[in-house]
N, C-alpha and C. Protein backbone atom coordinates (compact mmCIF):
# COMPACT_ATOMS: atom_id res chain seq x y z
N UNK A 1 2.52 -11.63 -7.32
CA UNK A 1 1.82 -10.54 -6.65
C UNK A 1 2.79 -9.46 -6.20
N UNK A 2 3.94 -9.80 -5.66
CA UNK A 2 4.90 -8.79 -5.22
C UNK A 2 5.43 -7.98 -6.40
N UNK A 3 5.59 -8.61 -7.54
CA UNK A 3 6.07 -7.90 -8.73
C UNK A 3 5.06 -6.82 -9.14
N UNK A 4 3.78 -7.16 -9.10
CA UNK A 4 2.74 -6.19 -9.42
C UNK A 4 2.76 -5.03 -8.43
N UNK A 5 2.92 -5.35 -7.14
CA UNK A 5 2.97 -4.32 -6.11
C UNK A 5 4.13 -3.37 -6.30
N UNK A 6 5.30 -3.90 -6.59
CA UNK A 6 6.48 -3.06 -6.80
C UNK A 6 6.31 -2.18 -8.03
N UNK A 7 5.77 -2.76 -9.08
CA UNK A 7 5.52 -2.00 -10.31
C UNK A 7 4.54 -0.85 -10.05
N UNK A 8 3.51 -1.13 -9.25
CA UNK A 8 2.52 -0.10 -8.91
C UNK A 8 3.16 1.00 -8.06
N UNK A 9 4.00 0.63 -7.11
CA UNK A 9 4.67 1.61 -6.26
C UNK A 9 5.59 2.51 -7.08
N UNK A 10 6.31 1.93 -8.02
CA UNK A 10 7.20 2.73 -8.87
C UNK A 10 6.40 3.68 -9.76
N UNK A 11 5.28 3.20 -10.28
CA UNK A 11 4.41 4.07 -11.09
C UNK A 11 3.90 5.23 -10.23
N UNK A 12 3.47 4.91 -9.01
CA UNK A 12 2.98 5.95 -8.10
C UNK A 12 4.07 6.98 -7.81
N UNK A 13 5.29 6.52 -7.53
CA UNK A 13 6.40 7.44 -7.24
C UNK A 13 6.61 8.43 -8.38
N UNK A 14 6.43 7.98 -9.60
CA UNK A 14 6.65 8.84 -10.76
C UNK A 14 5.45 9.70 -11.14
N UNK A 15 4.27 9.41 -10.56
CA UNK A 15 3.06 10.11 -10.99
C UNK A 15 2.19 10.66 -9.85
N UNK A 16 2.63 10.55 -8.60
CA UNK A 16 1.76 10.94 -7.49
C UNK A 16 1.38 12.42 -7.51
N UNK A 17 2.21 13.25 -8.08
CA UNK A 17 1.90 14.69 -8.12
C UNK A 17 0.75 15.00 -9.08
N UNK A 18 0.34 14.01 -9.90
CA UNK A 18 -0.83 14.17 -10.76
C UNK A 18 -2.14 14.05 -9.98
N UNK A 19 -2.06 13.55 -8.75
CA UNK A 19 -3.24 13.49 -7.88
C UNK A 19 -3.34 14.85 -7.20
N UNK A 20 -4.45 15.54 -7.42
CA UNK A 20 -4.60 16.92 -6.96
C UNK A 20 -4.25 17.10 -5.49
N UNK A 21 -4.70 16.21 -4.64
CA UNK A 21 -4.45 16.30 -3.20
C UNK A 21 -2.96 16.29 -2.88
N UNK A 22 -2.18 15.58 -3.67
CA UNK A 22 -0.75 15.42 -3.40
C UNK A 22 0.14 16.33 -4.25
N UNK A 23 -0.45 17.17 -5.09
CA UNK A 23 0.33 17.91 -6.09
C UNK A 23 1.44 18.78 -5.51
N UNK A 24 1.25 19.32 -4.32
CA UNK A 24 2.31 20.13 -3.72
C UNK A 24 2.95 19.42 -2.53
N UNK A 25 2.74 18.11 -2.44
CA UNK A 25 3.21 17.35 -1.29
C UNK A 25 4.66 16.91 -1.38
N UNK A 26 5.23 16.68 -0.20
CA UNK A 26 6.58 16.13 -0.08
C UNK A 26 6.44 14.68 0.38
N UNK A 27 7.03 13.76 -0.37
CA UNK A 27 6.86 12.33 -0.15
C UNK A 27 8.03 11.74 0.62
N UNK A 28 7.72 10.86 1.58
CA UNK A 28 8.73 10.05 2.26
C UNK A 28 8.38 8.59 2.00
N UNK A 29 9.38 7.83 1.59
CA UNK A 29 9.20 6.40 1.33
C UNK A 29 9.24 5.66 2.66
N UNK A 30 8.17 4.98 3.00
CA UNK A 30 8.05 4.29 4.28
C UNK A 30 7.97 2.77 4.12
N UNK A 31 8.23 2.27 2.93
CA UNK A 31 8.01 0.84 2.65
C UNK A 31 8.84 -0.08 3.52
N UNK A 32 10.04 0.30 3.86
CA UNK A 32 10.91 -0.60 4.63
C UNK A 32 10.53 -0.69 6.11
N UNK A 33 9.68 0.20 6.58
CA UNK A 33 9.32 0.21 7.99
C UNK A 33 8.20 -0.77 8.33
N UNK A 34 7.42 -1.18 7.35
CA UNK A 34 6.33 -2.14 7.60
C UNK A 34 5.26 -1.61 8.54
N UNK A 35 4.93 -0.32 8.40
CA UNK A 35 3.98 0.31 9.31
C UNK A 35 2.53 0.26 8.83
N UNK A 36 2.25 -0.39 7.72
CA UNK A 36 0.87 -0.47 7.24
C UNK A 36 0.53 0.56 6.18
N UNK A 37 1.55 1.23 5.67
CA UNK A 37 1.38 2.14 4.54
C UNK A 37 2.72 2.27 3.84
N UNK A 38 2.68 2.66 2.57
CA UNK A 38 3.90 2.71 1.76
C UNK A 38 4.59 4.06 1.77
N UNK A 39 3.78 5.12 1.78
CA UNK A 39 4.35 6.47 1.65
C UNK A 39 3.67 7.43 2.61
N UNK A 40 4.44 8.40 3.07
CA UNK A 40 3.95 9.49 3.91
C UNK A 40 4.08 10.75 3.06
N UNK A 41 2.98 11.45 2.88
CA UNK A 41 3.01 12.67 2.06
C UNK A 41 2.52 13.85 2.91
N UNK A 42 3.39 14.83 3.04
CA UNK A 42 3.05 16.06 3.78
C UNK A 42 2.71 17.15 2.77
N UNK A 43 1.50 17.69 2.88
CA UNK A 43 1.10 18.82 2.05
C UNK A 43 1.04 20.06 2.95
N UNK A 44 0.69 21.19 2.37
CA UNK A 44 0.55 22.41 3.17
C UNK A 44 -0.56 22.29 4.21
N UNK A 45 -1.57 21.49 3.90
CA UNK A 45 -2.75 21.40 4.76
C UNK A 45 -2.79 20.18 5.65
N UNK A 46 -2.18 19.07 5.22
CA UNK A 46 -2.40 17.80 5.90
C UNK A 46 -1.28 16.81 5.58
N UNK A 47 -1.13 15.83 6.47
CA UNK A 47 -0.22 14.71 6.22
C UNK A 47 -1.07 13.49 5.87
N UNK A 48 -0.60 12.69 4.92
CA UNK A 48 -1.35 11.52 4.47
C UNK A 48 -0.49 10.27 4.57
N UNK A 49 -1.13 9.17 4.96
CA UNK A 49 -0.53 7.84 4.92
C UNK A 49 -1.09 7.18 3.67
N UNK A 50 -0.22 6.77 2.76
CA UNK A 50 -0.67 6.28 1.46
C UNK A 50 -0.26 4.83 1.27
N UNK A 51 -1.23 3.98 1.02
CA UNK A 51 -0.99 2.59 0.67
C UNK A 51 -1.27 2.43 -0.81
N UNK A 52 -0.32 1.82 -1.53
CA UNK A 52 -0.45 1.66 -2.98
C UNK A 52 -0.67 0.19 -3.31
N UNK A 53 -1.66 -0.08 -4.15
CA UNK A 53 -1.95 -1.43 -4.64
C UNK A 53 -1.99 -1.39 -6.16
N UNK A 54 -1.61 -2.49 -6.77
CA UNK A 54 -1.62 -2.57 -8.23
C UNK A 54 -2.54 -3.66 -8.74
N UNK A 55 -3.22 -3.36 -9.83
CA UNK A 55 -4.08 -4.34 -10.50
C UNK A 55 -3.73 -4.30 -11.98
N UNK A 56 -3.45 -5.44 -12.55
CA UNK A 56 -2.98 -5.52 -13.94
C UNK A 56 -4.05 -5.10 -14.96
N UNK A 57 -5.31 -5.34 -14.64
CA UNK A 57 -6.41 -5.05 -15.57
C UNK A 57 -7.11 -3.74 -15.19
N UNK A 58 -8.19 -3.42 -15.92
CA UNK A 58 -8.94 -2.18 -15.66
C UNK A 58 -9.80 -2.28 -14.41
N UNK A 59 -9.97 -3.50 -13.92
CA UNK A 59 -10.69 -3.72 -12.67
C UNK A 59 -10.17 -4.99 -12.04
N UNK A 60 -10.41 -5.16 -10.76
CA UNK A 60 -9.94 -6.34 -10.07
C UNK A 60 -10.07 -6.19 -8.57
N UNK A 61 -9.61 -7.19 -7.87
CA UNK A 61 -9.71 -7.22 -6.41
C UNK A 61 -8.35 -6.91 -5.79
N UNK A 62 -8.40 -6.54 -4.53
CA UNK A 62 -7.17 -6.34 -3.77
C UNK A 62 -7.41 -6.75 -2.34
N UNK A 63 -6.35 -6.83 -1.58
CA UNK A 63 -6.47 -7.19 -0.17
C UNK A 63 -5.63 -6.23 0.66
N UNK A 64 -6.03 -6.06 1.89
CA UNK A 64 -5.24 -5.31 2.85
C UNK A 64 -4.72 -6.29 3.90
N UNK A 65 -3.51 -6.09 4.34
CA UNK A 65 -3.00 -6.88 5.45
C UNK A 65 -3.66 -6.38 6.74
N UNK A 66 -3.50 -7.13 7.81
CA UNK A 66 -4.06 -6.71 9.10
C UNK A 66 -3.51 -5.34 9.50
N UNK A 67 -2.21 -5.14 9.31
CA UNK A 67 -1.58 -3.87 9.68
C UNK A 67 -2.11 -2.72 8.82
N UNK A 68 -2.26 -2.95 7.53
CA UNK A 68 -2.81 -1.92 6.64
C UNK A 68 -4.24 -1.56 7.05
N UNK A 69 -5.03 -2.58 7.34
CA UNK A 69 -6.42 -2.36 7.76
C UNK A 69 -6.47 -1.58 9.07
N UNK A 70 -5.64 -1.98 10.02
CA UNK A 70 -5.60 -1.29 11.32
C UNK A 70 -5.22 0.18 11.17
N UNK A 71 -4.24 0.46 10.33
CA UNK A 71 -3.83 1.85 10.11
C UNK A 71 -4.93 2.64 9.40
N UNK A 72 -5.58 2.01 8.44
CA UNK A 72 -6.69 2.67 7.73
C UNK A 72 -7.82 3.00 8.70
N UNK A 73 -8.01 2.15 9.69
CA UNK A 73 -9.03 2.37 10.70
C UNK A 73 -8.62 3.47 11.68
N UNK A 74 -7.39 3.39 12.16
CA UNK A 74 -6.90 4.34 13.17
C UNK A 74 -6.73 5.75 12.61
N UNK A 75 -6.29 5.85 11.37
CA UNK A 75 -6.01 7.16 10.75
C UNK A 75 -6.96 7.42 9.58
N UNK A 76 -8.22 7.11 9.78
CA UNK A 76 -9.20 7.12 8.69
C UNK A 76 -9.20 8.39 7.85
N UNK A 77 -9.06 9.55 8.47
CA UNK A 77 -9.13 10.81 7.71
C UNK A 77 -7.81 11.18 7.05
N UNK A 78 -6.75 10.45 7.38
CA UNK A 78 -5.43 10.72 6.81
C UNK A 78 -4.92 9.58 5.93
N UNK A 79 -5.67 8.50 5.85
CA UNK A 79 -5.23 7.30 5.14
C UNK A 79 -5.84 7.30 3.74
N UNK A 80 -4.98 7.11 2.74
CA UNK A 80 -5.44 7.09 1.35
C UNK A 80 -4.95 5.81 0.68
N UNK A 81 -5.86 5.10 0.05
CA UNK A 81 -5.52 3.94 -0.75
C UNK A 81 -5.43 4.41 -2.20
N UNK A 82 -4.28 4.19 -2.81
CA UNK A 82 -4.12 4.55 -4.22
C UNK A 82 -3.95 3.24 -5.00
N UNK A 83 -4.86 3.01 -5.93
CA UNK A 83 -4.82 1.80 -6.75
C UNK A 83 -4.33 2.19 -8.14
N UNK A 84 -3.29 1.49 -8.58
CA UNK A 84 -2.81 1.68 -9.95
C UNK A 84 -3.49 0.61 -10.78
N UNK A 85 -4.45 1.03 -11.59
CA UNK A 85 -5.22 0.11 -12.43
C UNK A 85 -4.62 0.02 -13.83
N UNK A 86 -4.92 -1.08 -14.51
CA UNK A 86 -4.51 -1.30 -15.90
C UNK A 86 -2.99 -1.27 -16.07
N UNK A 87 -2.29 -1.85 -15.11
CA UNK A 87 -0.82 -1.87 -15.15
C UNK A 87 -0.27 -2.53 -16.41
N UNK A 88 -0.99 -3.49 -16.96
CA UNK A 88 -0.50 -4.22 -18.13
C UNK A 88 -0.49 -3.39 -19.41
N UNK A 89 -1.36 -2.38 -19.49
CA UNK A 89 -1.46 -1.60 -20.73
C UNK A 89 -1.16 -0.12 -20.50
N UNK A 90 -2.16 0.61 -20.05
CA UNK A 90 -2.00 2.06 -19.84
C UNK A 90 -2.43 2.38 -18.41
N UNK A 91 -1.49 2.37 -17.46
CA UNK A 91 -1.83 2.54 -16.05
C UNK A 91 -2.45 3.90 -15.74
N UNK A 92 -3.32 3.89 -14.75
CA UNK A 92 -3.86 5.15 -14.22
C UNK A 92 -4.10 4.98 -12.73
N UNK A 93 -4.14 6.11 -12.02
CA UNK A 93 -4.25 6.12 -10.57
C UNK A 93 -5.69 6.36 -10.13
N UNK A 94 -6.14 5.58 -9.17
CA UNK A 94 -7.43 5.79 -8.52
C UNK A 94 -7.14 6.02 -7.04
N UNK A 95 -7.48 7.19 -6.55
CA UNK A 95 -7.20 7.58 -5.17
C UNK A 95 -8.48 7.47 -4.34
N UNK A 96 -8.41 6.73 -3.22
CA UNK A 96 -9.58 6.54 -2.36
C UNK A 96 -9.23 6.97 -0.94
N UNK A 97 -9.67 8.16 -0.56
CA UNK A 97 -9.46 8.64 0.81
C UNK A 97 -10.39 7.89 1.75
N UNK A 98 -9.90 7.60 2.96
CA UNK A 98 -10.70 6.88 3.96
C UNK A 98 -11.32 5.62 3.35
N UNK A 99 -10.49 4.69 2.88
CA UNK A 99 -11.00 3.55 2.11
C UNK A 99 -11.98 2.65 2.87
N UNK A 100 -11.86 2.56 4.18
CA UNK A 100 -12.78 1.68 4.91
C UNK A 100 -14.20 2.24 4.94
N UNK A 101 -14.33 3.52 4.70
CA UNK A 101 -15.66 4.14 4.61
C UNK A 101 -16.29 3.90 3.23
N UNK A 102 -15.45 3.78 2.20
CA UNK A 102 -15.96 3.71 0.83
C UNK A 102 -15.89 2.32 0.19
N UNK A 103 -15.13 1.42 0.78
CA UNK A 103 -15.00 0.06 0.25
C UNK A 103 -15.38 -0.94 1.33
N UNK A 104 -15.89 -2.09 0.92
CA UNK A 104 -16.28 -3.12 1.88
C UNK A 104 -15.27 -4.26 1.84
N UNK A 105 -14.75 -4.62 3.00
CA UNK A 105 -13.78 -5.70 3.12
C UNK A 105 -14.36 -6.79 4.02
N UNK A 106 -13.94 -8.02 3.79
CA UNK A 106 -14.30 -9.12 4.68
C UNK A 106 -13.02 -9.75 5.20
N UNK A 107 -13.09 -10.30 6.39
CA UNK A 107 -11.93 -10.94 7.00
C UNK A 107 -11.74 -12.31 6.36
N UNK A 108 -10.52 -12.61 5.95
CA UNK A 108 -10.16 -13.92 5.42
C UNK A 108 -8.92 -14.40 6.16
N UNK A 109 -9.09 -15.42 6.97
CA UNK A 109 -7.95 -15.94 7.71
C UNK A 109 -7.16 -16.88 6.80
N UNK A 110 -5.86 -16.64 6.74
CA UNK A 110 -5.00 -17.48 5.90
C UNK A 110 -4.02 -18.21 6.79
N UNK A 111 -3.94 -19.49 6.60
CA UNK A 111 -2.98 -20.31 7.33
C UNK A 111 -1.66 -20.26 6.58
N UNK A 112 -0.61 -19.92 7.30
CA UNK A 112 0.70 -19.85 6.65
C UNK A 112 1.35 -21.23 6.64
N UNK A 113 2.13 -21.45 5.59
CA UNK A 113 2.90 -22.69 5.52
C UNK A 113 3.92 -22.69 6.65
N UNK A 114 4.21 -23.88 7.15
CA UNK A 114 5.27 -23.94 8.16
C UNK A 114 6.60 -23.64 7.48
N UNK A 115 7.47 -23.00 8.21
CA UNK A 115 8.77 -22.59 7.68
C UNK A 115 9.86 -23.40 8.35
N UNK A 116 10.70 -24.01 7.55
CA UNK A 116 11.83 -24.76 8.10
C UNK A 116 12.99 -23.82 8.35
N UNK A 117 13.63 -24.00 9.50
CA UNK A 117 14.86 -23.27 9.83
C UNK A 117 15.92 -24.31 10.17
N UNK A 118 17.14 -23.92 10.00
CA UNK A 118 18.25 -24.81 10.33
C UNK A 118 19.08 -24.16 11.42
N UNK A 119 19.07 -24.78 12.59
CA UNK A 119 19.77 -24.22 13.75
C UNK A 119 21.11 -24.92 13.92
N UNK A 120 22.10 -24.15 14.23
CA UNK A 120 23.45 -24.66 14.46
C UNK A 120 23.47 -25.54 15.70
N UNK A 121 24.09 -26.70 15.58
CA UNK A 121 24.27 -27.56 16.74
C UNK A 121 25.55 -27.11 17.43
N UNK A 122 25.45 -26.79 18.67
CA UNK A 122 26.63 -26.30 19.39
C UNK A 122 26.78 -24.80 19.20
N UNK A 123 27.99 -24.32 19.47
CA UNK A 123 28.27 -22.89 19.38
C UNK A 123 29.47 -22.63 18.49
N UNK A 124 29.48 -21.47 17.87
CA UNK A 124 30.65 -21.06 17.09
C UNK A 124 31.70 -20.57 18.06
N UNK A 125 32.92 -21.07 17.89
CA UNK A 125 34.02 -20.68 18.81
C UNK A 125 35.07 -19.92 18.06
């Protein structure tokens, strides 16, 4: 799943100016901040928070993390979900402004696996 996401983000980086809304925009990469969106795009008229998702086929499902959902809710008029569809063959971009208004999501609680850590006994001197 992460490989598909990275591939979709790279495709978006190379083609985002083909989306009319972003055609004159300046992009900032926000992926390392973990703020619930991948890119910040400032246009002459508006700033957008853009979350990119990838789907290998011409159709499919996707999920939003809690943080992504919260940001989409808080910044509804500035939040855009861009889905890169058909990644396996001939990718194309689908842009969905205010995705919580146009798409229906359900809550799915996922239990995480326990993570083992190894703690040093004593102190380093």
